[in-house]
Amino acid sequence: MGKLIPVLIRYQLSFLLVNSPEEEVPDEFIASVLTAWALAVAIFDWRRRRVPNPALVLVAVPAVLALVFYRKGLLGAGVVESLIGFAFGAVILLPGYLSKQVGAGDVKLAALLGLLLGIKSALVAMLAAGIVIGLMAVIAKVRFRKDKNSGYRLPGAVALVAGFEWSLWYGMAMQ
């Protein structure tokens, strides 16, 4: 996987530099690619309880380049809206990270999802993610009730991706 990441980043850079801003890539295609990526991150976190940095870089690079070159994000949010979404995604999970309840990968993922969605959709995504993680916590509490010191960690990326998918596809359906 280590050698694949630079190749994909070079491909993404060449795509952004060769195609003009007038050549629109269909929103459904971008959403589908981001859905596949997000599900891969969620599955990785479910199995290993960590979010891999290379997976985040794989999407962060084209997302930032799209903002720089096209003045809009991969999903159509403006520069300011995307940057505020990025800050919101990071800040909303920062207290959990500082109290060691949330991993750094989850904070980075939330910030990246905020950058992709923009602030309006990021608010919806984080609300949905909060509901999902709450349900996951109740299920884990019931399941591991006998062992009070189980130290079970919830896969935060699963909830974040669920919120992202809800916001992404619900937002597209409402347009």
Protein backbone atom coordinates (compact mmCIF):
# COMPACT_ATOMS: atom_id res chain seq x y z
CA MET A 1 0.00 0.00 0.00
CA GLY A 2 2.94 2.33 0.66
CA LYS A 3 3.98 2.43 -3.02
CA LEU A 4 0.40 2.80 -4.26
CA ILE A 5 -0.27 6.10 -2.45
CA PRO A 6 2.33 8.22 -4.34
CA VAL A 7 1.13 6.82 -7.67
CA LEU A 8 -2.48 7.72 -6.88
CA ILE A 9 -1.48 11.21 -5.71
CA ARG A 10 0.49 11.79 -8.93
CA TYR A 11 -2.54 10.66 -10.94
CA GLN A 12 -4.81 13.02 -9.01
CA LEU A 13 -2.40 15.92 -9.49
CA SER A 14 -2.19 15.29 -13.23
CA PHE A 15 -5.99 15.08 -13.45
CA LEU A 16 -6.42 18.41 -11.67
CA LEU A 17 -3.77 20.14 -13.78
CA VAL A 18 -4.86 18.78 -17.18
CA ASN A 19 -8.62 19.21 -16.87
CA SER A 20 -10.00 22.72 -17.01
CA PRO A 21 -12.47 24.00 -14.41
CA GLU A 22 -15.14 24.07 -17.13
CA GLU A 23 -15.00 20.28 -17.50
CA GLU A 24 -17.33 19.16 -14.77
CA VAL A 25 -17.03 15.70 -13.29
CA PRO A 26 -20.53 14.46 -12.36
CA ASP A 27 -21.33 14.92 -8.68
CA GLU A 28 -22.60 11.36 -8.44
CA PHE A 29 -19.24 10.01 -9.62
CA ILE A 30 -17.28 12.03 -7.05
CA ALA A 31 -19.77 11.07 -4.34
CA SER A 32 -19.46 7.39 -5.28
CA VAL A 33 -15.65 7.49 -5.16
CA LEU A 34 -15.73 9.27 -1.80
CA THR A 35 -18.28 6.75 -0.53
CA ALA A 36 -15.98 3.85 -1.43
CA TRP A 37 -13.04 5.62 0.23
CA ALA A 38 -15.02 6.42 3.39
CA LEU A 39 -16.32 2.87 3.69
CA ALA A 40 -12.75 1.54 3.38
CA VAL A 41 -11.65 3.87 6.19
CA ALA A 42 -14.60 2.79 8.36
CA ILE A 43 -13.90 -0.91 7.80
CA PHE A 44 -10.21 -0.40 8.64
CA ASP A 45 -11.16 1.41 11.85
CA TRP A 46 -13.72 -1.27 12.73
CA ARG A 47 -11.09 -3.99 12.44
CA ARG A 48 -8.01 -2.26 13.84
CA ARG A 49 -9.34 0.70 15.84
CA ARG A 50 -7.21 3.19 13.98
CA VAL A 51 -7.55 5.51 10.99
CA PRO A 52 -4.57 5.24 8.61
CA ASN A 53 -2.92 8.55 7.69
CA PRO A 54 -2.21 7.50 4.07
CA ALA A 55 -5.93 7.00 3.51
CA LEU A 56 -6.59 10.54 4.74
CA VAL A 57 -3.81 12.00 2.59
CA LEU A 58 -5.24 10.19 -0.43
CA VAL A 59 -8.33 12.41 -0.29
CA ALA A 60 -6.89 15.47 1.45
CA VAL A 61 -4.47 16.25 -1.39
CA PRO A 62 -7.05 16.45 -4.20
CA ALA A 63 -9.50 18.21 -1.86
CA VAL A 64 -7.01 20.98 -1.09
CA LEU A 65 -5.86 21.19 -4.72
CA ALA A 66 -9.46 21.54 -5.88
CA LEU A 67 -9.90 24.44 -3.46
CA VAL A 68 -6.72 26.10 -4.68
CA PHE A 69 -7.21 25.62 -8.42
CA TYR A 70 -11.00 25.65 -8.81
CA ARG A 71 -12.03 27.76 -5.82
CA LYS A 72 -14.52 25.09 -4.78
CA GLY A 73 -14.28 21.77 -3.01
CA LEU A 74 -14.65 18.32 -4.47
CA LEU A 75 -18.32 18.33 -3.49
CA GLY A 76 -18.98 21.90 -4.59
CA ALA A 77 -18.59 23.82 -1.32
CA GLY A 78 -16.86 27.19 -1.57
CA VAL A 79 -13.41 27.88 -0.16
CA VAL A 80 -14.60 29.69 2.96
CA GLU A 81 -17.38 27.19 3.60
CA SER A 82 -14.91 24.30 3.25
CA LEU A 83 -12.33 25.88 5.54
CA ILE A 84 -14.94 26.61 8.20
CA GLY A 85 -16.17 23.00 7.84
CA PHE A 86 -12.58 21.81 8.31
CA ALA A 87 -12.19 23.85 11.49
CA PHE A 88 -15.59 22.73 12.79
CA GLY A 89 -14.78 19.07 12.18
CA ALA A 90 -11.53 19.37 14.12
CA VAL A 91 -12.86 21.53 16.95
CA ILE A 92 -15.96 19.40 17.59
CA LEU A 93 -13.82 16.34 18.43
CA LEU A 94 -10.88 18.15 20.06
CA PRO A 95 -12.28 17.96 23.64
CA GLY A 96 -12.72 14.21 23.22
CA TYR A 97 -9.15 13.89 22.00
CA LEU A 98 -7.78 15.96 24.87
CA SER A 99 -9.64 13.75 27.36
CA LYS A 100 -8.34 10.63 25.54
CA GLN A 101 -11.85 9.50 24.54
CA VAL A 102 -11.27 10.01 20.80
CA GLY A 103 -8.21 9.13 18.75
CA ALA A 104 -6.22 11.62 16.68
CA GLY A 105 -7.21 9.76 13.51
CA ASP A 106 -10.88 10.42 14.27
CA VAL A 107 -10.16 14.14 14.72
CA LYS A 108 -8.27 14.27 11.42
CA LEU A 109 -11.03 12.34 9.66
CA ALA A 110 -13.71 14.68 11.04
CA ALA A 111 -11.71 17.70 9.87
CA LEU A 112 -11.27 16.20 6.40
CA LEU A 113 -14.97 15.36 6.15
CA GLY A 114 -15.76 18.95 7.15
CA LEU A 115 -13.42 20.18 4.41
CA LEU A 116 -15.17 17.97 1.85
CA LEU A 117 -18.72 18.81 2.90
CA GLY A 118 -18.48 22.45 3.90
CA ILE A 119 -19.90 23.81 7.14
CA LYS A 120 -23.63 23.39 6.39
CA SER A 121 -23.40 19.70 5.50
CA ALA A 122 -20.72 19.11 8.15
CA LEU A 123 -23.19 20.20 10.84
CA VAL A 124 -25.68 17.58 9.61
CA ALA A 125 -22.93 14.95 9.34
CA MET A 126 -21.67 15.52 12.89
CA LEU A 127 -25.20 15.43 14.29
CA ALA A 128 -25.86 12.12 12.53
CA ALA A 129 -22.45 10.80 13.68
CA GLY A 130 -23.30 11.75 17.25
CA ILE A 131 -26.52 9.76 17.06
CA VAL A 132 -24.71 6.75 15.59
CA ILE A 133 -21.90 6.79 18.17
CA GLY A 134 -24.51 7.12 20.93
CA LEU A 135 -26.32 4.03 19.67
CA MET A 136 -23.00 2.19 19.38
CA ALA A 137 -22.16 3.13 22.98
CA VAL A 138 -25.50 1.80 24.26
CA ILE A 139 -25.03 -1.47 22.37
CA ALA A 140 -21.45 -1.83 23.66
CA LYS A 141 -22.56 -1.09 27.21
CA VAL A 142 -25.24 -3.78 27.05
CA ARG A 143 -22.95 -6.28 25.35
CA PHE A 144 -19.99 -5.80 27.72
CA ARG A 145 -22.02 -5.13 30.86
CA LYS A 146 -20.54 -8.12 32.73
CA ASP A 147 -16.94 -6.99 32.32
CA LYS A 148 -16.70 -3.48 33.73
CA ASN A 149 -13.00 -3.20 32.92
CA SER A 150 -13.22 -4.42 29.34
CA GLY A 151 -11.58 -1.25 27.95
CA TYR A 152 -13.61 -1.60 24.76
CA ARG A 153 -12.98 1.23 22.31
CA LEU A 154 -15.63 2.24 19.83
CA PRO A 155 -14.58 2.72 16.20
CA GLY A 156 -15.26 6.45 15.86
CA ALA A 157 -14.64 6.46 12.11
CA VAL A 158 -17.66 4.20 11.61
CA ALA A 159 -19.95 6.82 13.15
CA LEU A 160 -18.21 9.67 11.31
CA VAL A 161 -18.54 7.88 7.98
CA ALA A 162 -22.20 7.09 8.66
CA GLY A 163 -22.80 10.80 9.28
CA PHE A 164 -20.80 11.73 6.19
CA GLU A 165 -22.78 9.33 4.01
CA TRP A 166 -26.08 10.57 5.38
CA SER A 167 -25.16 14.19 4.77
CA LEU A 168 -23.66 13.45 1.35
CA TRP A 169 -26.49 11.40 -0.14
CA TYR A 170 -29.33 13.15 1.67
CA GLY A 171 -27.94 16.51 0.53
CA MET A 172 -27.69 15.30 -3.07
CA ALA A 173 -31.23 13.95 -2.97
CA MET A 174 -32.54 17.29 -1.73
CA GLN A 175 -30.94 19.26 -4.59
